[in-house]
mmCIF file of all heavy atoms, coordinates in Angstrom:
data_MODEL
# 
_entry.id   MODEL 
# 
loop_
_atom_site.group_PDB 
_atom_site.id 
_atom_site.type_symbol 
_atom_site.label_atom_id 
_atom_site.label_alt_id 
_atom_site.label_comp_id 
_atom_site.label_asym_id 
_atom_site.label_entity_id 
_atom_site.label_seq_id 
_atom_site.pdbx_PDB_ins_code 
_atom_site.Cartn_x 
_atom_site.Cartn_y 
_atom_site.Cartn_z 
_atom_site.occupancy 
_atom_site.B_iso_or_equiv 
_atom_site.pdbx_formal_charge 
_atom_site.auth_seq_id 
_atom_site.auth_comp_id 
_atom_site.auth_asym_id 
_atom_site.auth_atom_id 
_atom_site.pdbx_PDB_model_num 
ATOM 1   N N   . ALA A 1 1  ? 115.203 109.247 97.166  1.00 0.00 ? 1  ALA A N   1 
ATOM 2   C CA  . ALA A 1 1  ? 113.944 109.165 97.792  1.00 0.00 ? 1  ALA A CA  1 
ATOM 3   C C   . ALA A 1 1  ? 113.155 108.079 96.989  1.00 0.00 ? 1  ALA A C   1 
ATOM 4   O O   . ALA A 1 1  ? 112.526 107.274 97.759  1.00 0.00 ? 1  ALA A O   1 
ATOM 5   C CB  . ALA A 1 1  ? 113.149 110.400 97.733  1.00 0.00 ? 1  ALA A CB  1 
ATOM 6   N N   . CYS A 1 2  ? 113.154 108.022 95.718  1.00 0.00 ? 2  CYS A N   1 
ATOM 7   C CA  . CYS A 1 2  ? 112.521 106.976 94.965  1.00 0.00 ? 2  CYS A CA  1 
ATOM 8   C C   . CYS A 1 2  ? 112.991 105.644 95.313  1.00 0.00 ? 2  CYS A C   1 
ATOM 9   O O   . CYS A 1 2  ? 112.233 104.732 95.426  1.00 0.00 ? 2  CYS A O   1 
ATOM 10  C CB  . CYS A 1 2  ? 112.649 107.328 93.493  1.00 0.00 ? 2  CYS A CB  1 
ATOM 11  S SG  . CYS A 1 2  ? 111.860 106.123 92.484  1.00 0.00 ? 2  CYS A SG  1 
ATOM 12  N N   . VAL A 1 3  ? 114.264 105.480 95.371  1.00 0.00 ? 3  VAL A N   1 
ATOM 13  C CA  . VAL A 1 3  ? 114.857 104.173 95.604  1.00 0.00 ? 3  VAL A CA  1 
ATOM 14  C C   . VAL A 1 3  ? 114.491 103.716 97.116  1.00 0.00 ? 3  VAL A C   1 
ATOM 15  O O   . VAL A 1 3  ? 114.234 102.641 97.304  1.00 0.00 ? 3  VAL A O   1 
ATOM 16  C CB  . VAL A 1 3  ? 116.473 104.184 95.501  1.00 0.00 ? 3  VAL A CB  1 
ATOM 17  C CG1 . VAL A 1 3  ? 117.031 102.970 95.977  1.00 0.00 ? 3  VAL A CG1 1 
ATOM 18  C CG2 . VAL A 1 3  ? 116.855 104.542 94.088  1.00 0.00 ? 3  VAL A CG2 1 
ATOM 19  N N   . LEU A 1 4  ? 114.516 104.661 97.970  1.00 0.00 ? 4  LEU A N   1 
ATOM 20  C CA  . LEU A 1 4  ? 114.085 104.203 99.305  1.00 0.00 ? 4  LEU A CA  1 
ATOM 21  C C   . LEU A 1 4  ? 112.700 103.721 99.372  1.00 0.00 ? 4  LEU A C   1 
ATOM 22  O O   . LEU A 1 4  ? 112.368 102.726 100.069 1.00 0.00 ? 4  LEU A O   1 
ATOM 23  C CB  . LEU A 1 4  ? 114.258 105.440 100.323 1.00 0.00 ? 4  LEU A CB  1 
ATOM 24  C CG  . LEU A 1 4  ? 115.694 105.687 100.945 1.00 0.00 ? 4  LEU A CG  1 
ATOM 25  C CD1 . LEU A 1 4  ? 115.659 106.894 101.778 1.00 0.00 ? 4  LEU A CD1 1 
ATOM 26  C CD2 . LEU A 1 4  ? 116.067 104.520 101.784 1.00 0.00 ? 4  LEU A CD2 1 
ATOM 27  N N   . GLU A 1 5  ? 111.842 104.496 98.752  1.00 0.00 ? 5  GLU A N   1 
ATOM 28  C CA  . GLU A 1 5  ? 110.482 104.036 98.504  1.00 0.00 ? 5  GLU A CA  1 
ATOM 29  C C   . GLU A 1 5  ? 110.349 102.628 97.950  1.00 0.00 ? 5  GLU A C   1 
ATOM 30  O O   . GLU A 1 5  ? 109.586 101.773 98.460  1.00 0.00 ? 5  GLU A O   1 
ATOM 31  C CB  . GLU A 1 5  ? 109.635 104.962 97.769  1.00 0.00 ? 5  GLU A CB  1 
ATOM 32  C CG  . GLU A 1 5  ? 109.546 106.299 98.376  1.00 0.00 ? 5  GLU A CG  1 
ATOM 33  C CD  . GLU A 1 5  ? 108.205 106.477 99.236  1.00 0.00 ? 5  GLU A CD  1 
ATOM 34  O OE1 . GLU A 1 5  ? 107.421 105.494 99.339  1.00 0.00 ? 5  GLU A OE1 1 
ATOM 35  O OE2 . GLU A 1 5  ? 108.226 107.430 100.051 1.00 0.00 ? 5  GLU A OE2 1 
ATOM 36  N N   . ILE A 1 6  ? 111.087 102.326 96.905  1.00 0.00 ? 6  ILE A N   1 
ATOM 37  C CA  . ILE A 1 6  ? 111.066 101.016 96.354  1.00 0.00 ? 6  ILE A CA  1 
ATOM 38  C C   . ILE A 1 6  ? 111.572 99.933  97.265  1.00 0.00 ? 6  ILE A C   1 
ATOM 39  O O   . ILE A 1 6  ? 111.071 98.807  97.245  1.00 0.00 ? 6  ILE A O   1 
ATOM 40  C CB  . ILE A 1 6  ? 112.058 101.092 95.084  1.00 0.00 ? 6  ILE A CB  1 
ATOM 41  C CG1 . ILE A 1 6  ? 111.270 101.966 94.008  1.00 0.00 ? 6  ILE A CG1 1 
ATOM 42  C CG2 . ILE A 1 6  ? 112.161 99.557  94.531  1.00 0.00 ? 6  ILE A CG2 1 
ATOM 43  C CD1 . ILE A 1 6  ? 112.233 102.245 92.822  1.00 0.00 ? 6  ILE A CD1 1 
ATOM 44  N N   . LEU A 1 7  ? 112.646 100.295 98.142  1.00 0.00 ? 7  LEU A N   1 
ATOM 45  C CA  . LEU A 1 7  ? 113.138 99.248  99.057  1.00 0.00 ? 7  LEU A CA  1 
ATOM 46  C C   . LEU A 1 7  ? 112.296 98.923  100.312 1.00 0.00 ? 7  LEU A C   1 
ATOM 47  O O   . LEU A 1 7  ? 112.522 97.919  101.012 1.00 0.00 ? 7  LEU A O   1 
ATOM 48  C CB  . LEU A 1 7  ? 114.469 99.767  99.574  1.00 0.00 ? 7  LEU A CB  1 
ATOM 49  C CG  . LEU A 1 7  ? 115.613 99.739  98.513  1.00 0.00 ? 7  LEU A CG  1 
ATOM 50  C CD1 . LEU A 1 7  ? 116.855 100.501 99.142  1.00 0.00 ? 7  LEU A CD1 1 
ATOM 51  C CD2 . LEU A 1 7  ? 116.017 98.446  98.000  1.00 0.00 ? 7  LEU A CD2 1 
ATOM 52  N N   . VAL A 1 8  ? 111.257 99.797  100.486 1.00 0.00 ? 8  VAL A N   1 
ATOM 53  C CA  . VAL A 1 8  ? 110.466 99.617  101.706 1.00 0.00 ? 8  VAL A CA  1 
ATOM 54  C C   . VAL A 1 8  ? 109.884 98.153  101.804 1.00 0.00 ? 8  VAL A C   1 
ATOM 55  O O   . VAL A 1 8  ? 109.967 97.514  102.896 1.00 0.00 ? 8  VAL A O   1 
ATOM 56  C CB  . VAL A 1 8  ? 109.308 100.585 101.753 1.00 0.00 ? 8  VAL A CB  1 
ATOM 57  C CG1 . VAL A 1 8  ? 108.268 100.302 102.859 1.00 0.00 ? 8  VAL A CG1 1 
ATOM 58  C CG2 . VAL A 1 8  ? 109.862 102.004 102.146 1.00 0.00 ? 8  VAL A CG2 1 
ATOM 59  N N   . PRO A 1 9  ? 109.182 97.570  100.791 1.00 0.00 ? 9  PRO A N   1 
ATOM 60  C CA  . PRO A 1 9  ? 108.677 96.226  100.967 1.00 0.00 ? 9  PRO A CA  1 
ATOM 61  C C   . PRO A 1 9  ? 109.748 95.178  101.387 1.00 0.00 ? 9  PRO A C   1 
ATOM 62  O O   . PRO A 1 9  ? 109.468 94.252  101.984 1.00 0.00 ? 9  PRO A O   1 
ATOM 63  C CB  . PRO A 1 9  ? 108.069 95.964  99.566  1.00 0.00 ? 9  PRO A CB  1 
ATOM 64  C CG  . PRO A 1 9  ? 107.793 97.204  98.994  1.00 0.00 ? 9  PRO A CG  1 
ATOM 65  C CD  . PRO A 1 9  ? 108.929 98.100  99.505  1.00 0.00 ? 9  PRO A CD  1 
ATOM 66  N N   . LEU A 1 10 ? 111.001 95.400  100.926 1.00 0.00 ? 10 LEU A N   1 
ATOM 67  C CA  . LEU A 1 10 ? 112.036 94.483  101.256 1.00 0.00 ? 10 LEU A CA  1 
ATOM 68  C C   . LEU A 1 10 ? 112.362 94.529  102.657 1.00 0.00 ? 10 LEU A C   1 
ATOM 69  O O   . LEU A 1 10 ? 112.645 93.490  103.381 1.00 0.00 ? 10 LEU A O   1 
ATOM 70  C CB  . LEU A 1 10 ? 113.317 94.765  100.424 1.00 0.00 ? 10 LEU A CB  1 
ATOM 71  C CG  . LEU A 1 10 ? 114.550 93.860  100.436 1.00 0.00 ? 10 LEU A CG  1 
ATOM 72  C CD1 . LEU A 1 10 ? 113.999 92.400  99.958  1.00 0.00 ? 10 LEU A CD1 1 
ATOM 73  C CD2 . LEU A 1 10 ? 115.581 94.388  99.636  1.00 0.00 ? 10 LEU A CD2 1 
ATOM 74  N N   . ALA A 1 11 ? 112.236 95.683  103.253 1.00 0.00 ? 11 ALA A N   1 
ATOM 75  C CA  . ALA A 1 11 ? 112.494 95.840  104.686 1.00 0.00 ? 11 ALA A CA  1 
ATOM 76  C C   . ALA A 1 11 ? 111.474 95.232  105.664 1.00 0.00 ? 11 ALA A C   1 
ATOM 77  O O   . ALA A 1 11 ? 111.764 95.031  106.758 1.00 0.00 ? 11 ALA A O   1 
ATOM 78  C CB  . ALA A 1 11 ? 112.677 97.389  105.006 1.00 0.00 ? 11 ALA A CB  1 
ATOM 79  N N   . GLU A 1 12 ? 110.334 94.859  105.029 1.00 0.00 ? 12 GLU A N   1 
ATOM 80  C CA  . GLU A 1 12 ? 109.300 94.225  105.801 1.00 0.00 ? 12 GLU A CA  1 
ATOM 81  C C   . GLU A 1 12 ? 109.435 92.754  105.979 1.00 0.00 ? 12 GLU A C   1 
ATOM 82  O O   . GLU A 1 12 ? 108.778 92.162  106.763 1.00 0.00 ? 12 GLU A O   1 
ATOM 83  C CB  . GLU A 1 12 ? 107.932 94.603  105.166 1.00 0.00 ? 12 GLU A CB  1 
ATOM 84  C CG  . GLU A 1 12 ? 107.527 95.918  105.196 1.00 0.00 ? 12 GLU A CG  1 
ATOM 85  C CD  . GLU A 1 12 ? 106.256 96.202  104.422 1.00 0.00 ? 12 GLU A CD  1 
ATOM 86  O OE1 . GLU A 1 12 ? 106.191 96.094  103.193 1.00 0.00 ? 12 GLU A OE1 1 
ATOM 87  O OE2 . GLU A 1 12 ? 105.255 96.648  105.168 1.00 0.00 ? 12 GLU A OE2 1 
ATOM 88  N N   . GLN A 1 13 ? 110.452 92.127  105.268 1.00 0.00 ? 13 GLN A N   1 
ATOM 89  C CA  . GLN A 1 13 ? 110.728 90.713  105.309 1.00 0.00 ? 13 GLN A CA  1 
ATOM 90  C C   . GLN A 1 13 ? 111.959 90.387  106.123 1.00 0.00 ? 13 GLN A C   1 
ATOM 91  O O   . GLN A 1 13 ? 112.943 91.107  105.933 1.00 0.00 ? 13 GLN A O   1 
ATOM 92  C CB  . GLN A 1 13 ? 110.701 90.181  103.883 1.00 0.00 ? 13 GLN A CB  1 
ATOM 93  C CG  . GLN A 1 13 ? 109.760 90.636  102.941 1.00 0.00 ? 13 GLN A CG  1 
ATOM 94  C CD  . GLN A 1 13 ? 108.280 90.118  103.259 1.00 0.00 ? 13 GLN A CD  1 
ATOM 95  O OE1 . GLN A 1 13 ? 108.209 89.062  103.892 1.00 0.00 ? 13 GLN A OE1 1 
ATOM 96  N NE2 . GLN A 1 13 ? 107.338 91.034  103.152 1.00 0.00 ? 13 GLN A NE2 1 
ATOM 97  N N   . ASN A 1 14 ? 111.925 89.416  106.864 1.00 0.00 ? 14 ASN A N   1 
ATOM 98  C CA  . ASN A 1 14 ? 113.099 89.133  107.798 1.00 0.00 ? 14 ASN A CA  1 
ATOM 99  C C   . ASN A 1 14 ? 114.426 88.873  106.883 1.00 0.00 ? 14 ASN A C   1 
ATOM 100 O O   . ASN A 1 14 ? 115.503 89.370  107.131 1.00 0.00 ? 14 ASN A O   1 
ATOM 101 C CB  . ASN A 1 14 ? 112.804 87.943  108.581 1.00 0.00 ? 14 ASN A CB  1 
ATOM 102 C CG  . ASN A 1 14 ? 111.949 88.282  109.760 1.00 0.00 ? 14 ASN A CG  1 
ATOM 103 O OD1 . ASN A 1 14 ? 112.111 89.471  110.324 1.00 0.00 ? 14 ASN A OD1 1 
ATOM 104 N ND2 . ASN A 1 14 ? 111.119 87.375  110.248 1.00 0.00 ? 14 ASN A ND2 1 
ATOM 105 N N   . HIS A 1 15 ? 114.217 88.024  105.734 1.00 0.00 ? 15 HIS A N   1 
ATOM 106 C CA  . HIS A 1 15 ? 115.396 87.732  104.939 1.00 0.00 ? 15 HIS A CA  1 
ATOM 107 C C   . HIS A 1 15 ? 115.839 89.026  104.233 1.00 0.00 ? 15 HIS A C   1 
ATOM 108 O O   . HIS A 1 15 ? 117.045 89.287  104.000 1.00 0.00 ? 15 HIS A O   1 
ATOM 109 C CB  . HIS A 1 15 ? 115.095 86.712  103.961 1.00 0.00 ? 15 HIS A CB  1 
ATOM 110 C CG  . HIS A 1 15 ? 114.118 87.006  102.932 1.00 0.00 ? 15 HIS A CG  1 
ATOM 111 N ND1 . HIS A 1 15 ? 112.750 86.904  103.226 1.00 0.00 ? 15 HIS A ND1 1 
ATOM 112 C CD2 . HIS A 1 15 ? 114.143 87.418  101.668 1.00 0.00 ? 15 HIS A CD2 1 
ATOM 113 C CE1 . HIS A 1 15 ? 112.069 87.173  102.115 1.00 0.00 ? 15 HIS A CE1 1 
ATOM 114 N NE2 . HIS A 1 15 ? 112.898 87.548  101.229 1.00 0.00 ? 15 HIS A NE2 1 
ATOM 115 N N   . GLY A 1 16 ? 114.893 89.953  103.840 1.00 0.00 ? 16 GLY A N   1 
ATOM 116 C CA  . GLY A 1 16 ? 115.145 91.255  103.377 1.00 0.00 ? 16 GLY A CA  1 
ATOM 117 C C   . GLY A 1 16 ? 115.882 92.077  104.245 1.00 0.00 ? 16 GLY A C   1 
ATOM 118 O O   . GLY A 1 16 ? 116.995 92.846  103.929 1.00 0.00 ? 16 GLY A O   1 
ATOM 119 N N   . LEU A 1 17 ? 115.446 92.084  105.475 1.00 0.00 ? 17 LEU A N   1 
ATOM 120 C CA  . LEU A 1 17 ? 116.001 92.883  106.576 1.00 0.00 ? 17 LEU A CA  1 
ATOM 121 C C   . LEU A 1 17 ? 117.478 92.418  106.812 1.00 0.00 ? 17 LEU A C   1 
ATOM 122 O O   . LEU A 1 17 ? 118.370 93.225  107.011 1.00 0.00 ? 17 LEU A O   1 
ATOM 123 C CB  . LEU A 1 17 ? 115.216 92.790  107.774 1.00 0.00 ? 17 LEU A CB  1 
ATOM 124 C CG  . LEU A 1 17 ? 115.358 93.753  108.858 1.00 0.00 ? 17 LEU A CG  1 
ATOM 125 C CD1 . LEU A 1 17 ? 114.973 95.211  108.254 1.00 0.00 ? 17 LEU A CD1 1 
ATOM 126 C CD2 . LEU A 1 17 ? 114.367 93.504  109.993 1.00 0.00 ? 17 LEU A CD2 1 
ATOM 127 N N   . SER A 1 18 ? 117.691 91.159  106.752 1.00 0.00 ? 18 SER A N   1 
ATOM 128 C CA  . SER A 1 18 ? 119.057 90.658  106.915 1.00 0.00 ? 18 SER A CA  1 
ATOM 129 C C   . SER A 1 18 ? 120.047 91.124  105.826 1.00 0.00 ? 18 SER A C   1 
ATOM 130 O O   . SER A 1 18 ? 121.157 91.518  106.106 1.00 0.00 ? 18 SER A O   1 
ATOM 131 C CB  . SER A 1 18 ? 119.114 89.121  107.017 1.00 0.00 ? 18 SER A CB  1 
ATOM 132 O OG  . SER A 1 18 ? 118.276 88.649  108.089 1.00 0.00 ? 18 SER A OG  1 
ATOM 133 N N   . TYR A 1 19 ? 119.574 91.187  104.610 1.00 0.00 ? 19 TYR A N   1 
ATOM 134 C CA  . TYR A 1 19 ? 120.322 91.658  103.487 1.00 0.00 ? 19 TYR A CA  1 
ATOM 135 C C   . TYR A 1 19 ? 120.686 93.083  103.712 1.00 0.00 ? 19 TYR A C   1 
ATOM 136 O O   . TYR A 1 19 ? 121.785 93.574  103.657 1.00 0.00 ? 19 TYR A O   1 
ATOM 137 C CB  . TYR A 1 19 ? 119.610 91.530  102.172 1.00 0.00 ? 19 TYR A CB  1 
ATOM 138 C CG  . TYR A 1 19 ? 120.084 92.289  101.119 1.00 0.00 ? 19 TYR A CG  1 
ATOM 139 C CD1 . TYR A 1 19 ? 121.222 91.915  100.380 1.00 0.00 ? 19 TYR A CD1 1 
ATOM 140 C CD2 . TYR A 1 19 ? 119.485 93.495  100.780 1.00 0.00 ? 19 TYR A CD2 1 
ATOM 141 C CE1 . TYR A 1 19 ? 121.762 92.677  99.361  1.00 0.00 ? 19 TYR A CE1 1 
ATOM 142 C CE2 . TYR A 1 19 ? 119.914 94.283  99.626  1.00 0.00 ? 19 TYR A CE2 1 
ATOM 143 C CZ  . TYR A 1 19 ? 121.081 93.875  98.952  1.00 0.00 ? 19 TYR A CZ  1 
ATOM 144 O OH  . TYR A 1 19 ? 121.583 94.609  97.945  1.00 0.00 ? 19 TYR A OH  1 
ATOM 145 N N   . LEU A 1 20 ? 119.609 93.899  104.058 1.00 0.00 ? 20 LEU A N   1 
ATOM 146 C CA  . LEU A 1 20 ? 119.920 95.331  104.297 1.00 0.00 ? 20 LEU A CA  1 
ATOM 147 C C   . LEU A 1 20 ? 120.889 95.659  105.454 1.00 0.00 ? 20 LEU A C   1 
ATOM 148 O O   . LEU A 1 20 ? 121.698 96.567  105.400 1.00 0.00 ? 20 LEU A O   1 
ATOM 149 C CB  . LEU A 1 20 ? 118.570 96.013  104.603 1.00 0.00 ? 20 LEU A CB  1 
ATOM 150 C CG  . LEU A 1 20 ? 117.642 96.033  103.359 1.00 0.00 ? 20 LEU A CG  1 
ATOM 151 C CD1 . LEU A 1 20 ? 116.261 96.612  103.682 1.00 0.00 ? 20 LEU A CD1 1 
ATOM 152 C CD2 . LEU A 1 20 ? 118.162 96.855  102.238 1.00 0.00 ? 20 LEU A CD2 1 
ATOM 153 N N   . GLU A 1 21 ? 120.757 94.748  106.486 1.00 0.00 ? 21 GLU A N   1 
ATOM 154 C CA  . GLU A 1 21 ? 121.740 94.891  107.579 1.00 0.00 ? 21 GLU A CA  1 
ATOM 155 C C   . GLU A 1 21 ? 123.045 94.562  107.158 1.00 0.00 ? 21 GLU A C   1 
ATOM 156 O O   . GLU A 1 21 ? 124.075 95.268  107.610 1.00 0.00 ? 21 GLU A O   1 
ATOM 157 C CB  . GLU A 1 21 ? 121.284 94.002  108.841 1.00 0.00 ? 21 GLU A CB  1 
ATOM 158 C CG  . GLU A 1 21 ? 119.944 94.419  109.413 1.00 0.00 ? 21 GLU A CG  1 
ATOM 159 C CD  . GLU A 1 21 ? 119.616 93.542  110.616 1.00 0.00 ? 21 GLU A CD  1 
ATOM 160 O OE1 . GLU A 1 21 ? 119.665 92.325  110.353 1.00 0.00 ? 21 GLU A OE1 1 
ATOM 161 O OE2 . GLU A 1 21 ? 119.186 94.065  111.656 1.00 0.00 ? 21 GLU A OE2 1 
ATOM 162 N N   . ARG A 1 22 ? 123.339 93.507  106.355 1.00 0.00 ? 22 ARG A N   1 
ATOM 163 C CA  . ARG A 1 22 ? 124.680 93.128  105.808 1.00 0.00 ? 22 ARG A CA  1 
ATOM 164 C C   . ARG A 1 22 ? 125.258 94.287  105.068 1.00 0.00 ? 22 ARG A C   1 
ATOM 165 O O   . ARG A 1 22 ? 126.409 94.484  105.109 1.00 0.00 ? 22 ARG A O   1 
ATOM 166 C CB  . ARG A 1 22 ? 124.604 91.861  105.073 1.00 0.00 ? 22 ARG A CB  1 
ATOM 167 C CG  . ARG A 1 22 ? 124.208 90.551  105.797 1.00 0.00 ? 22 ARG A CG  1 
ATOM 168 C CD  . ARG A 1 22 ? 124.563 89.406  105.013 1.00 0.00 ? 22 ARG A CD  1 
ATOM 169 N NE  . ARG A 1 22 ? 124.025 89.335  103.667 1.00 0.00 ? 22 ARG A NE  1 
ATOM 170 C CZ  . ARG A 1 22 ? 122.827 88.889  103.413 1.00 0.00 ? 22 ARG A CZ  1 
ATOM 171 N NH1 . ARG A 1 22 ? 122.048 88.405  104.361 1.00 0.00 ? 22 ARG A NH1 1 
ATOM 172 N NH2 . ARG A 1 22 ? 122.346 88.861  102.102 1.00 0.00 ? 22 ARG A NH2 1 
ATOM 173 N N   . ARG A 1 23 ? 124.402 95.096  104.250 1.00 0.00 ? 23 ARG A N   1 
ATOM 174 C CA  . ARG A 1 23 ? 124.910 96.073  103.579 1.00 0.00 ? 23 ARG A CA  1 
ATOM 175 C C   . ARG A 1 23 ? 124.937 97.370  104.319 1.00 0.00 ? 23 ARG A C   1 
ATOM 176 O O   . ARG A 1 23 ? 125.212 98.499  103.740 1.00 0.00 ? 23 ARG A O   1 
ATOM 177 C CB  . ARG A 1 23 ? 123.952 96.337  102.302 1.00 0.00 ? 23 ARG A CB  1 
ATOM 178 C CG  . ARG A 1 23 ? 123.999 95.187  101.321 1.00 0.00 ? 23 ARG A CG  1 
ATOM 179 C CD  . ARG A 1 23 ? 125.301 94.922  100.629 1.00 0.00 ? 23 ARG A CD  1 
ATOM 180 N NE  . ARG A 1 23 ? 125.250 93.989  99.539  1.00 0.00 ? 23 ARG A NE  1 
ATOM 181 C CZ  . ARG A 1 23 ? 125.476 92.736  99.615  1.00 0.00 ? 23 ARG A CZ  1 
ATOM 182 N NH1 . ARG A 1 23 ? 125.764 92.252  100.889 1.00 0.00 ? 23 ARG A NH1 1 
ATOM 183 N NH2 . ARG A 1 23 ? 125.491 91.929  98.680  1.00 0.00 ? 23 ARG A NH2 1 
ATOM 184 N N   . ARG A 1 24 ? 124.719 97.418  105.562 1.00 0.00 ? 24 ARG A N   1 
ATOM 185 C CA  . ARG A 1 24 ? 124.756 98.538  106.467 1.00 0.00 ? 24 ARG A CA  1 
ATOM 186 C C   . ARG A 1 24 ? 123.780 99.657  106.034 1.00 0.00 ? 24 ARG A C   1 
ATOM 187 O O   . ARG A 1 24 ? 124.279 100.865 106.206 1.00 0.00 ? 24 ARG A O   1 
ATOM 188 C CB  . ARG A 1 24 ? 126.229 99.040  106.686 1.00 0.00 ? 24 ARG A CB  1 
ATOM 189 C CG  . ARG A 1 24 ? 127.138 97.905  107.242 1.00 0.00 ? 24 ARG A CG  1 
ATOM 190 C CD  . ARG A 1 24 ? 128.526 98.422  107.469 1.00 0.00 ? 24 ARG A CD  1 
ATOM 191 N NE  . ARG A 1 24 ? 128.640 99.514  108.421 1.00 0.00 ? 24 ARG A NE  1 
ATOM 192 C CZ  . ARG A 1 24 ? 128.634 99.410  109.712 1.00 0.00 ? 24 ARG A CZ  1 
ATOM 193 N NH1 . ARG A 1 24 ? 128.515 98.183  110.204 1.00 0.00 ? 24 ARG A NH1 1 
ATOM 194 N NH2 . ARG A 1 24 ? 128.671 100.427 110.536 1.00 0.00 ? 24 ARG A NH2 1 
# 
């Protein structure tokens, strides 16, 4: 849960979103 909270700001950026999508 802590890690997910930390990752939230990355998911708000298009390049961050692309990275998260590549990692499924």
